[in-house]
PDB file of N, CA and C in Angstrom:
ATOM      1  N   MET A   1    -117.343  36.611  86.453  1.00  0.00           N
ATOM      2  CA  MET A   1    -116.350  36.779  85.473  1.00  0.00           C
ATOM      3  C   MET A   1    -115.497  35.444  85.537  1.00  0.00           C
ATOM      4  N   PHE A   2    -115.077  34.907  84.334  1.00  0.00           N
ATOM      5  CA  PHE A   2    -114.537  33.360  84.253  1.00  0.00           C
ATOM      6  C   PHE A   2    -113.414  33.781  83.288  1.00  0.00           C
ATOM      7  N   VAL A   3    -112.198  33.592  83.826  1.00  0.00           N
ATOM      8  CA  VAL A   3    -110.943  33.841  83.307  1.00  0.00           C
ATOM      9  C   VAL A   3    -110.283  32.472  82.667  1.00  0.00           C
ATOM     10  N   PHE A   4    -109.803  32.470  81.586  1.00  0.00           N
ATOM     11  CA  PHE A   4    -108.999  31.229  81.225  1.00  0.00           C
ATOM     12  C   PHE A   4    -107.906  31.898  80.560  1.00  0.00           C
ATOM     13  N   ASP A   5    -106.879  30.988  80.167  1.00  0.00           N
ATOM     14  CA  ASP A   5    -105.630  31.034  79.639  1.00  0.00           C
ATOM     15  C   ASP A   5    -105.630  30.802  78.164  1.00  0.00           C
ATOM     16  N   VAL A   6    -105.545  31.747  77.188  1.00  0.00           N
ATOM     17  CA  VAL A   6    -105.810  31.748  75.828  1.00  0.00           C
ATOM     18  C   VAL A   6    -104.472  30.630  75.196  1.00  0.00           C
ATOM     19  N   THR A   7    -103.519  30.667  76.006  1.00  0.00           N
ATOM     20  CA  THR A   7    -102.349  29.671  75.689  1.00  0.00           C
ATOM     21  C   THR A   7    -102.839  28.220  75.948  1.00  0.00           C
ATOM     22  N   ARG A   8    -103.838  27.858  76.636  1.00  0.00           N
ATOM     23  CA  ARG A   8    -104.143  26.494  77.156  1.00  0.00           C
ATOM     24  C   ARG A   8    -105.526  26.377  76.986  1.00  0.00           C
ATOM     25  N   LYS A   9    -105.883  25.659  75.835  1.00  0.00           N
ATOM     26  CA  LYS A   9    -107.385  25.456  75.578  1.00  0.00           C
ATOM     27  C   LYS A   9    -108.145  24.592  76.529  1.00  0.00           C
ATOM     28  N   GLN A  10    -107.561  23.884  77.350  1.00  0.00           N
ATOM     29  CA  GLN A  10    -108.253  23.121  78.242  1.00  0.00           C
ATOM     30  C   GLN A  10    -108.652  23.924  79.485  1.00  0.00           C
ATOM     31  N   THR A  11    -108.073  25.083  79.661  1.00  0.00           N
ATOM     32  CA  THR A  11    -108.583  25.953  80.665  1.00  0.00           C
ATOM     33  C   THR A  11    -110.017  26.507  80.317  1.00  0.00           C
ATOM     34  N   LEU A  12    -110.136  26.831  78.992  1.00  0.00           N
ATOM     35  CA  LEU A  12    -111.686  27.351  78.572  1.00  0.00           C
ATOM     36  C   LEU A  12    -112.520  26.159  78.862  1.00  0.00           C
ATOM     37  N   GLN A  13    -112.132  24.790  78.385  1.00  0.00           N
ATOM     38  CA  GLN A  13    -113.128  23.530  78.478  1.00  0.00           C
ATOM     39  C   GLN A  13    -113.468  23.461  79.836  1.00  0.00           C
ATOM     40  N   ASP A  14    -112.596  23.617  80.878  1.00  0.00           N
ATOM     41  CA  ASP A  14    -112.794  23.490  82.179  1.00  0.00           C
ATOM     42  C   ASP A  14    -113.802  24.256  82.815  1.00  0.00           C
ATOM     43  N   LEU A  15    -113.955  25.596  82.202  1.00  0.00           N
ATOM     44  CA  LEU A  15    -114.930  26.585  82.916  1.00  0.00           C
ATOM     45  C   LEU A  15    -116.369  26.237  82.673  1.00  0.00           C
ATOM     46  N   ALA A  16    -116.725  25.287  81.803  1.00  0.00           N
ATOM     47  CA  ALA A  16    -118.278  24.837  81.717  1.00  0.00           C
ATOM     48  C   ALA A  16    -118.839  24.437  82.887  1.00  0.00           C
ATOM     49  N   LEU A  17    -118.097  23.681  83.806  1.00  0.00           N
ATOM     50  CA  LEU A  17    -118.700  23.253  84.920  1.00  0.00           C
ATOM     51  C   LEU A  17    -119.043  24.434  85.923  1.00  0.00           C
ATOM     52  N   TYR A  18    -118.072  25.276  85.858  1.00  0.00           N
ATOM     53  CA  TYR A  18    -118.108  26.443  86.868  1.00  0.00           C
ATOM     54  C   TYR A  18    -119.322  27.463  86.305  1.00  0.00           C
ATOM     55  N   ILE A  19    -119.355  27.511  85.121  1.00  0.00           N
ATOM     56  CA  ILE A  19    -120.478  28.453  84.609  1.00  0.00           C
ATOM     57  C   ILE A  19    -121.654  27.756  84.886  1.00  0.00           C
ATOM     58  N   ASP A  20    -122.096  26.512  84.743  1.00  0.00           N
ATOM     59  CA  ASP A  20    -123.231  26.019  85.116  1.00  0.00           C
ATOM     60  C   ASP A  20    -123.598  26.198  86.662  1.00  0.00           C
ATOM     61  N   ALA A  21    -122.564  26.104  87.451  1.00  0.00           N
ATOM     62  CA  ALA A  21    -122.829  26.063  88.900  1.00  0.00           C
ATOM     63  C   ALA A  21    -123.316  27.525  89.280  1.00  0.00           C
ATOM     64  N   ALA A  22    -122.531  28.515  88.526  1.00  0.00           N
ATOM     65  CA  ALA A  22    -122.891  29.926  88.718  1.00  0.00           C
ATOM     66  C   ALA A  22    -124.212  30.385  88.329  1.00  0.00           C
ATOM     67  N   LYS A  23    -124.702  29.793  87.143  1.00  0.00           N
ATOM     68  CA  LYS A  23    -126.039  29.936  86.668  1.00  0.00           C
ATOM     69  C   LYS A  23    -126.889  29.581  87.544  1.00  0.00           C
ATOM     70  N   THR A  24    -126.724  28.359  88.285  1.00  0.00           N
ATOM     71  CA  THR A  24    -127.629  27.695  89.228  1.00  0.00           C
ATOM     72  C   THR A  24    -127.696  28.622  90.614  1.00  0.00           C
ATOM     73  N   GLU A  25    -126.587  29.000  90.951  1.00  0.00           N
ATOM     74  CA  GLU A  25    -126.518  29.842  92.268  1.00  0.00           C
ATOM     75  C   GLU A  25    -127.159  31.170  91.860  1.00  0.00           C
ATOM     76  N   MET A  26    -127.148  31.683  90.819  1.00  0.00           N
ATOM     77  CA  MET A  26    -127.674  33.131  90.430  1.00  0.00           C
ATOM     78  C   MET A  26    -129.017  33.005  90.032  1.00  0.00           C
ATOM     79  N   ALA A  27    -129.687  31.856  89.788  1.00  0.00           N
ATOM     80  CA  ALA A  27    -130.941  31.780  89.283  1.00  0.00           C
ATOM     81  C   ALA A  27    -132.017  32.812  89.768  1.00  0.00           C
ATOM     82  N   GLY A  28    -132.691  33.570  88.959  1.00  0.00           N
ATOM     83  CA  GLY A  28    -133.507  34.475  89.462  1.00  0.00           C
ATOM     84  C   GLY A  28    -133.167  35.766  89.963  1.00  0.00           C
ATOM     85  N   ARG A  29    -131.734  35.940  89.991  1.00  0.00           N
ATOM     86  CA  ARG A  29    -131.114  37.223  90.185  1.00  0.00           C
ATOM     87  C   ARG A  29    -130.537  37.897  89.257  1.00  0.00           C
ATOM     88  N   PRO A  30    -130.403  39.028  88.945  1.00  0.00           N
ATOM     89  CA  PRO A  30    -129.771  39.818  87.840  1.00  0.00           C
ATOM     90  C   PRO A  30    -128.233  39.350  87.973  1.00  0.00           C
ATOM     91  N   HIS A  31    -127.549  39.081  86.760  1.00  0.00           N
ATOM     92  CA  HIS A  31    -126.067  38.675  86.982  1.00  0.00           C
ATOM     93  C   HIS A  31    -125.441  38.935  85.765  1.00  0.00           C
ATOM     94  N   GLU A  32    -124.327  39.063  85.522  1.00  0.00           N
ATOM     95  CA  GLU A  32    -123.386  39.498  84.452  1.00  0.00           C
ATOM     96  C   GLU A  32    -122.376  38.508  84.474  1.00  0.00           C
ATOM     97  N   LEU A  33    -122.520  37.417  83.314  1.00  0.00           N
ATOM     98  CA  LEU A  33    -121.222  36.433  83.275  1.00  0.00           C
ATOM     99  C   LEU A  33    -120.464  36.777  82.037  1.00  0.00           C
ATOM    100  N   ILE A  34    -119.331  37.075  82.337  1.00  0.00           N
ATOM    101  CA  ILE A  34    -118.252  37.560  81.419  1.00  0.00           C
ATOM    102  C   ILE A  34    -117.138  36.528  81.175  1.00  0.00           C
ATOM    103  N   LEU A  35    -116.745  36.207  80.156  1.00  0.00           N
ATOM    104  CA  LEU A  35    -115.807  35.419  79.885  1.00  0.00           C
ATOM    105  C   LEU A  35    -114.310  36.287  79.580  1.00  0.00           C
ATOM    106  N   VAL A  36    -113.363  36.119  80.199  1.00  0.00           N
ATOM    107  CA  VAL A  36    -112.031  36.802  79.940  1.00  0.00           C
ATOM    108  C   VAL A  36    -110.902  35.949  79.524  1.00  0.00           C
ATOM    109  N   GLY A  37    -110.462  36.189  78.339  1.00  0.00           N
ATOM    110  CA  GLY A  37    -109.254  35.350  77.885  1.00  0.00           C
ATOM    111  C   GLY A  37    -107.937  36.308  78.309  1.00  0.00           C
ATOM    112  N   ASN A  38    -107.196  35.448  79.028  1.00  0.00           N
ATOM    113  CA  ASN A  38    -105.767  36.187  79.603  1.00  0.00           C
ATOM    114  C   ASN A  38    -104.692  35.705  78.881  1.00  0.00           C
ATOM    115  N   LYS A  39    -103.524  36.398  78.880  1.00  0.00           N
ATOM    116  CA  LYS A  39    -102.265  36.202  78.360  1.00  0.00           C
ATOM    117  C   LYS A  39    -102.275  36.188  76.927  1.00  0.00           C
ATOM    118  N   ILE A  40    -103.001  37.324  76.195  1.00  0.00           N
ATOM    119  CA  ILE A  40    -103.102  37.711  74.967  1.00  0.00           C
ATOM    120  C   ILE A  40    -101.873  38.198  74.389  1.00  0.00           C
ATOM    121  N   ASP A  41    -100.659  38.545  75.392  1.00  0.00           N
ATOM    122  CA  ASP A  41     -99.507  39.015  74.947  1.00  0.00           C
ATOM    123  C   ASP A  41     -98.644  37.904  74.396  1.00  0.00           C
ATOM    124  N   ILE A  42     -98.925  36.595  74.691  1.00  0.00           N
ATOM    125  CA  ILE A  42     -98.112  35.589  74.176  1.00  0.00           C
ATOM    126  C   ILE A  42     -98.764  34.972  72.820  1.00  0.00           C
ATOM    127  N   PHE A  43     -98.703  35.610  71.850  1.00  0.00           N
ATOM    128  CA  PHE A  43     -99.404  35.330  70.616  1.00  0.00           C
ATOM    129  C   PHE A  43     -98.846  33.924  69.972  1.00  0.00           C
ATOM    130  N   GLU A  44     -97.594  33.765  70.081  1.00  0.00           N
ATOM    131  CA  GLU A  44     -96.928  32.597  69.487  1.00  0.00           C
ATOM    132  C   GLU A  44     -97.420  31.257  70.126  1.00  0.00           C
ATOM    133  N   SER A  45     -98.007  31.315  71.446  1.00  0.00           N
ATOM    134  CA  SER A  45     -98.362  30.046  72.157  1.00  0.00           C
ATOM    135  C   SER A  45     -99.997  30.042  72.126  1.00  0.00           C
ATOM    136  N   ARG A  46    -100.611  30.860  71.352  1.00  0.00           N
ATOM    137  CA  ARG A  46    -102.057  30.954  71.682  1.00  0.00           C
ATOM    138  C   ARG A  46    -102.636  29.745  70.933  1.00  0.00           C
ATOM    139  N   GLU A  47    -103.717  29.073  71.826  1.00  0.00           N
ATOM    140  CA  GLU A  47    -104.431  27.981  71.484  1.00  0.00           C
ATOM    141  C   GLU A  47    -105.949  28.348  71.335  1.00  0.00           C
ATOM    142  N   VAL A  48    -106.347  29.386  71.737  1.00  0.00           N
ATOM    143  CA  VAL A  48    -107.826  29.683  71.702  1.00  0.00           C
ATOM    144  C   VAL A  48    -107.828  30.963  70.969  1.00  0.00           C
ATOM    145  N   GLY A  49    -108.546  31.160  69.881  1.00  0.00           N
ATOM    146  CA  GLY A  49    -108.718  32.274  69.175  1.00  0.00           C
ATOM    147  C   GLY A  49    -109.943  33.139  69.774  1.00  0.00           C
ATOM    148  N   ALA A  50    -109.933  34.409  69.266  1.00  0.00           N
ATOM    149  CA  ALA A  50    -111.184  35.192  69.679  1.00  0.00           C
ATOM    150  C   ALA A  50    -112.590  34.603  69.204  1.00  0.00           C
ATOM    151  N   ALA A  51    -112.440  34.160  67.984  1.00  0.00           N
ATOM    152  CA  ALA A  51    -113.646  33.523  67.474  1.00  0.00           C
ATOM    153  C   ALA A  51    -114.206  32.316  68.201  1.00  0.00           C
ATOM    154  N   GLU A  52    -113.212  31.373  68.444  1.00  0.00           N
ATOM    155  CA  GLU A  52    -113.663  30.266  69.219  1.00  0.00           C
ATOM    156  C   GLU A  52    -114.050  30.641  70.660  1.00  0.00           C
ATOM    157  N   ALA A  53    -113.443  31.813  71.410  1.00  0.00           N
ATOM    158  CA  ALA A  53    -114.154  32.194  72.635  1.00  0.00           C
ATOM    159  C   ALA A  53    -115.447  32.715  72.484  1.00  0.00           C
ATOM    160  N   SER A  54    -115.666  33.481  71.478  1.00  0.00           N
ATOM    161  CA  SER A  54    -116.983  33.853  71.379  1.00  0.00           C
ATOM    162  C   SER A  54    -118.042  33.012  71.000  1.00  0.00           C
ATOM    163  N   GLU A  55    -117.758  32.097  70.235  1.00  0.00           N
ATOM    164  CA  GLU A  55    -118.456  30.793  70.102  1.00  0.00           C
ATOM    165  C   GLU A  55    -118.900  30.046  71.503  1.00  0.00           C
ATOM    166  N   PHE A  56    -117.803  29.990  72.445  1.00  0.00           N
ATOM    167  CA  PHE A  56    -118.063  29.452  73.546  1.00  0.00           C
ATOM    168  C   PHE A  56    -119.054  30.275  74.369  1.00  0.00           C
ATOM    169  N   VAL A  57    -118.889  31.591  74.463  1.00  0.00           N
ATOM    170  CA  VAL A  57    -119.842  32.634  74.992  1.00  0.00           C
ATOM    171  C   VAL A  57    -121.144  32.382  74.696  1.00  0.00           C
ATOM    172  N   ALA A  58    -121.546  32.156  73.313  1.00  0.00           N
ATOM    173  CA  ALA A  58    -122.729  32.076  72.722  1.00  0.00           C
ATOM    174  C   ALA A  58    -123.304  30.749  73.234  1.00  0.00           C
ATOM    175  N   THR A  59    -122.406  29.810  73.087  1.00  0.00           N
ATOM    176  CA  THR A  59    -122.988  28.250  73.711  1.00  0.00           C
ATOM    177  C   THR A  59    -123.412  28.236  74.971  1.00  0.00           C
ATOM    178  N   HIS A  60    -122.689  28.947  75.836  1.00  0.00           N
ATOM    179  CA  HIS A  60    -122.793  28.740  77.368  1.00  0.00           C
ATOM    180  C   HIS A  60    -123.768  29.953  77.981  1.00  0.00           C
ATOM    181  N   GLY A  61    -124.328  30.779  76.938  1.00  0.00           N
ATOM    182  CA  GLY A  61    -125.277  31.824  77.500  1.00  0.00           C
ATOM    183  C   GLY A  61    -124.558  32.777  78.158  1.00  0.00           C
ATOM    184  N   LEU A  62    -123.243  33.264  78.075  1.00  0.00           N
ATOM    185  CA  LEU A  62    -122.553  34.217  78.644  1.00  0.00           C
ATOM    186  C   LEU A  62    -122.776  35.738  78.058  1.00  0.00           C
ATOM    187  N   HIS A  63    -122.481  36.684  78.877  1.00  0.00           N
ATOM    188  CA  HIS A  63    -122.898  38.078  78.380  1.00  0.00           C
ATOM    189  C   HIS A  63    -121.961  38.879  77.585  1.00  0.00           C
ATOM    190  N   ASP A  64    -120.743  38.409  77.690  1.00  0.00           N
ATOM    191  CA  ASP A  64    -119.640  39.327  76.950  1.00  0.00           C
ATOM    192  C   ASP A  64    -118.302  38.484  76.943  1.00  0.00           C
ATOM    193  N   TYR A  65    -117.489  38.819  76.105  1.00  0.00           N
ATOM    194  CA  TYR A  65    -116.148  38.188  75.958  1.00  0.00           C
ATOM    195  C   TYR A  65    -115.101  39.345  75.889  1.00  0.00           C
ATOM    196  N   ARG A  66    -114.183  39.360  76.665  1.00  0.00           N
ATOM    197  CA  ARG A  66    -113.057  40.315  76.625  1.00  0.00           C
ATOM    198  C   ARG A  66    -111.656  39.604  76.678  1.00  0.00           C
ATOM    199  N   GLU A  67    -110.628  40.268  76.058  1.00  0.00           N
ATOM    200  CA  GLU A  67    -109.220  39.655  76.144  1.00  0.00           C
ATOM    201  C   GLU A  67    -108.327  40.625  76.763  1.00  0.00           C
ATOM    202  N   VAL A  68    -107.570  40.063  77.598  1.00  0.00           N
ATOM    203  CA  VAL A  68    -106.556  40.913  78.448  1.00  0.00           C
ATOM    204  C   VAL A  68    -105.164  40.240  78.536  1.00  0.00           C
ATOM    205  N   SER A  69    -104.330  40.986  79.105  1.00  0.00           N
ATOM    206  CA  SER A  69    -102.856  40.743  79.496  1.00  0.00           C
ATOM    207  C   SER A  69    -102.720  41.128  80.942  1.00  0.00           C
ATOM    208  N   ALA A  70    -102.729  40.199  81.733  1.00  0.00           N
ATOM    209  CA  ALA A  70    -102.399  40.640  83.124  1.00  0.00           C
ATOM    210  C   ALA A  70    -100.934  41.185  83.174  1.00  0.00           C
ATOM    211  N   LYS A  71    -100.097  40.517  82.418  1.00  0.00           N
ATOM    212  CA  LYS A  71     -98.645  40.864  82.539  1.00  0.00           C
ATOM    213  C   LYS A  71     -98.365  42.264  82.131  1.00  0.00           C
ATOM    214  N   SER A  72     -99.083  42.843  80.825  1.00  0.00           N
ATOM    215  CA  SER A  72     -98.812  44.010  80.256  1.00  0.00           C
ATOM    216  C   SER A  72     -99.748  44.982  80.808  1.00  0.00           C
ATOM    217  N   GLY A  73    -100.886  44.455  81.283  1.00  0.00           N
ATOM    218  CA  GLY A  73    -102.016  45.136  81.841  1.00  0.00           C
ATOM    219  C   GLY A  73    -103.052  45.716  80.607  1.00  0.00           C
ATOM    220  N   ALA A  74    -102.733  45.115  79.452  1.00  0.00           N
ATOM    221  CA  ALA A  74    -103.700  45.503  78.289  1.00  0.00           C
ATOM    222  C   ALA A  74    -105.004  45.020  78.536  1.00  0.00           C
ATOM    223  N   ASN A  75    -105.921  46.098  78.513  1.00  0.00           N
ATOM    224  CA  ASN A  75    -107.483  45.832  78.533  1.00  0.00           C
ATOM    225  C   ASN A  75    -107.932  45.415  79.944  1.00  0.00           C
ATOM    226  N   VAL A  76    -107.093  45.346  80.820  1.00  0.00           N
ATOM    227  CA  VAL A  76    -107.513  45.086  82.248  1.00  0.00           C
ATOM    228  C   VAL A  76    -108.537  45.950  82.888  1.00  0.00           C
ATOM    229  N   ASN A  77    -108.169  47.302  83.054  1.00  0.00           N
ATOM    230  CA  ASN A  77    -108.924  48.206  83.603  1.00  0.00           C
ATOM    231  C   ASN A  77    -110.116  48.433  82.787  1.00  0.00           C
ATOM    232  N   LEU A  78    -110.134  48.411  81.443  1.00  0.00           N
ATOM    233  CA  LEU A  78    -111.339  48.587  80.721  1.00  0.00           C
ATOM    234  C   LEU A  78    -112.386  47.230  80.918  1.00  0.00           C
ATOM    235  N   THR A  79    -111.989  46.107  81.094  1.00  0.00           N
ATOM    236  CA  THR A  79    -112.634  44.973  81.209  1.00  0.00           C
ATOM    237  C   THR A  79    -113.335  45.078  82.459  1.00  0.00           C
ATOM    238  N   PHE A  80    -112.638  45.503  83.620  1.00  0.00           N
ATOM    239  CA  PHE A  80    -113.256  45.581  84.990  1.00  0.00           C
ATOM    240  C   PHE A  80    -114.257  46.805  85.018  1.00  0.00           C
ATOM    241  N   ARG A  81    -114.098  47.914  84.370  1.00  0.00           N
ATOM    242  CA  ARG A  81    -114.829  49.038  84.368  1.00  0.00           C
ATOM    243  C   ARG A  81    -116.111  48.671  83.499  1.00  0.00           C
ATOM    244  N   ASN A  82    -116.152  48.088  82.493  1.00  0.00           N
ATOM    245  CA  ASN A  82    -117.043  47.787  81.679  1.00  0.00           C
ATOM    246  C   ASN A  82    -118.025  46.551  82.399  1.00  0.00           C
ATOM    247  N   ALA A  83    -117.404  45.709  83.229  1.00  0.00           N
ATOM    248  CA  ALA A  83    -118.126  44.582  83.959  1.00  0.00           C
ATOM    249  C   ALA A  83    -118.995  45.322  85.049  1.00  0.00           C
ATOM    250  N   LEU A  84    -118.330  46.249  85.704  1.00  0.00           N
ATOM    251  CA  LEU A  84    -118.929  46.910  86.776  1.00  0.00           C
ATOM    252  C   LEU A  84    -120.199  47.797  86.123  1.00  0.00           C
ATOM    253  N   THR A  85    -120.089  48.622  85.125  1.00  0.00           N
ATOM    254  CA  THR A  85    -121.022  49.292  84.532  1.00  0.00           C
ATOM    255  C   THR A  85    -122.196  48.294  84.047  1.00  0.00           C
ATOM    256  N   HIS A  86    -121.937  47.161  83.373  1.00  0.00           N
ATOM    257  CA  HIS A  86    -123.017  46.310  83.063  1.00  0.00           C
ATOM    258  C   HIS A  86    -123.757  45.675  84.368  1.00  0.00           C
ATOM    259  N   THR A  87    -123.202  45.455  85.272  1.00  0.00           N
ATOM    260  CA  THR A  87    -123.698  44.888  86.630  1.00  0.00           C
ATOM    261  C   THR A  87    -124.429  45.985  87.224  1.00  0.00           C
ATOM    262  N   ALA A  88    -123.979  47.198  87.398  1.00  0.00           N
ATOM    263  CA  ALA A  88    -124.720  48.380  87.829  1.00  0.00           C
ATOM    264  C   ALA A  88    -126.040  48.518  86.953  1.00  0.00           C
ATOM    265  N   PHE A  89    -125.907  48.504  85.777  1.00  0.00           N
ATOM    266  CA  PHE A  89    -127.102  48.716  84.682  1.00  0.00           C
ATOM    267  C   PHE A  89    -128.190  47.806  85.059  1.00  0.00           C
ATOM    268  N   ARG A  90    -127.682  46.407  85.131  1.00  0.00           N
ATOM    269  CA  ARG A  90    -128.692  45.460  85.375  1.00  0.00           C
ATOM    270  C   ARG A  90    -129.403  45.310  86.915  1.00  0.00           C
ATOM    271  N   ALA A  91    -128.451  45.982  87.662  1.00  0.00           N
ATOM    272  CA  ALA A  91    -129.103  46.010  89.252  1.00  0.00           C
ATOM    273  C   ALA A  91    -130.035  47.101  89.226  1.00  0.00           C
ATOM    274  N   LYS A  92    -129.757  48.129  88.494  1.00  0.00           N
ATOM    275  CA  LYS A  92    -130.592  49.306  88.379  1.00  0.00           C
ATOM    276  C   LYS A  92    -131.998  49.071  87.856  1.00  0.00           C
ATOM    277  N   LYS A  93    -132.054  48.138  86.923  1.00  0.00           N
ATOM    278  CA  LYS A  93    -133.292  47.733  86.222  1.00  0.00           C
ATOM    279  C   LYS A  93    -134.050  46.759  86.964  1.00  0.00           C
ATOM    280  N   SER A  94    -133.469  46.000  87.833  1.00  0.00           N
ATOM    281  CA  SER A  94    -134.066  44.812  88.604  1.00  0.00           C
ATOM    282  C   SER A  94    -134.710  45.308  89.904  1.00  0.00           C
ATOM    283  N   PRO A  95    -136.056  45.440  90.034  1.00  0.00           N
ATOM    284  CA  PRO A  95    -136.735  45.729  91.323  1.00  0.00           C
ATOM    285  C   PRO A  95    -136.280  44.980  92.652  1.00  0.00           C
ATOM    286  N   GLY A  96    -135.899  43.687  92.238  1.00  0.00           N
ATOM    287  CA  GLY A  96    -135.544  42.880  93.425  1.00  0.00           C
ATOM    288  C   GLY A  96    -134.232  43.169  94.142  1.00  0.00           C
ATOM    289  N   MET A  97    -133.405  43.993  93.690  1.00  0.00           N
ATOM    290  CA  MET A  97    -131.920  44.090  94.230  1.00  0.00           C
ATOM    291  C   MET A  97    -132.163  45.172  95.358  1.00  0.00           C
ATOM    292  N   PRO A  98    -131.299  44.975  96.422  1.00  0.00           N
ATOM    293  CA  PRO A  98    -131.422  45.792  97.701  1.00  0.00           C
ATOM    294  C   PRO A  98    -130.883  47.132  97.404  1.00  0.00           C
ATOM    295  N   ARG A  99    -131.341  48.213  97.945  1.00  0.00           N
ATOM    296  CA  ARG A  99    -130.922  49.426  97.510  1.00  0.00           C
ATOM    297  C   ARG A  99    -129.861  49.911  98.608  1.00  0.00           C
ATOM    298  N   ARG A 100    -129.222  50.771  98.270  1.00  0.00           N
ATOM    299  CA  ARG A 100    -128.056  51.371  99.106  1.00  0.00           C
ATOM    300  C   ARG A 100    -128.828  52.129 100.320  1.00  0.00           C
ATOM    301  N   ARG A 101    -128.196  52.005 101.551  1.00  0.00           N
ATOM    302  CA  ARG A 101    -128.762  52.700 102.447  1.00  0.00           C
ATOM    303  C   ARG A 101    -128.732  54.070 102.450  1.00  0.00           C
ATOM    304  N   THR A 102    -129.721  54.822 103.079  1.00  0.00           N
ATOM    305  CA  THR A 102    -129.664  56.313 103.042  1.00  0.00           C
ATOM    306  C   THR A 102    -129.413  56.957 104.303  1.00  0.00           C
ATOM    307  N   LYS A 103    -129.008  56.122 105.325  1.00  0.00           N
ATOM    308  CA  LYS A 103    -128.661  56.612 106.527  1.00  0.00           C
ATOM    309  C   LYS A 103    -127.574  57.860 106.470  1.00  0.00           C
ATOM    310  N   LYS A 104    -127.796  58.884 107.316  1.00  0.00           N
ATOM    311  CA  LYS A 104    -126.884  59.963 107.305  1.00  0.00           C
ATOM    312  C   LYS A 104    -125.655  59.557 108.359  1.00  0.00           C
ATOM    313  N   GLY A 105    -124.615  59.990 107.806  1.00  0.00           N
ATOM    314  CA  GLY A 105    -123.294  59.596 108.542  1.00  0.00           C
ATOM    315  C   GLY A 105    -122.259  59.991 107.604  1.00  0.00           C
ATOM    316  N   PRO A 106    -120.898  59.476 108.091  1.00  0.00           N
ATOM    317  CA  PRO A 106    -119.801  59.805 107.180  1.00  0.00           C
ATOM    318  C   PRO A 106    -119.997  59.017 105.903  1.00  0.00           C
ATOM    319  N   PRO A 107    -119.434  59.712 104.862  1.00  0.00           N
ATOM    320  CA  PRO A 107    -119.586  59.091 103.378  1.00  0.00           C
ATOM    321  C   PRO A 107    -119.121  57.723 103.376  1.00  0.00           C
ATOM    322  N   CYS A 108    -118.220  57.370 104.048  1.00  0.00           N
ATOM    323  CA  CYS A 108    -117.649  55.846 104.193  1.00  0.00           C
ATOM    324  C   CYS A 108    -118.656  54.849 104.555  1.00  0.00           C
ATOM    325  N   CYS A 109    -119.828  55.250 105.364  1.00  0.00           N
ATOM    326  CA  CYS A 109    -120.671  54.330 105.924  1.00  0.00           C
ATOM    327  C   CYS A 109    -122.128  54.577 105.462  1.00  0.00           C
ATOM    328  N   ASN A 110    -122.317  55.213 104.454  1.00  0.00           N
ATOM    329  CA  ASN A 110    -123.872  55.300 103.829  1.00  0.00           C
ATOM    330  C   ASN A 110    -124.019  54.170 102.924  1.00  0.00           C
TER     331      ASN A 110
END
């Protein structure tokens, strides 16, 4: 998950290097690369629109784009829930992912 500030375009541009590094690190393994625009509650200072962010997602081969406000909490839970769901789905479809241990014991330790 890559988060940028929609009120500062430079924060989006700076992510390209980190995205490339993550792709290199995760090569050959299932992964979900999601772009998250934060501070959507500050509309008057917005420098990056949803269309521009979506174009960035397509250009850099990311899987999804979401907008949130950490201040108000808008879309935060939904964004994380969707990210976890997508990641779990990809992991389930991939034969190379390690499976959960089936050792008997307390529920916290299985």
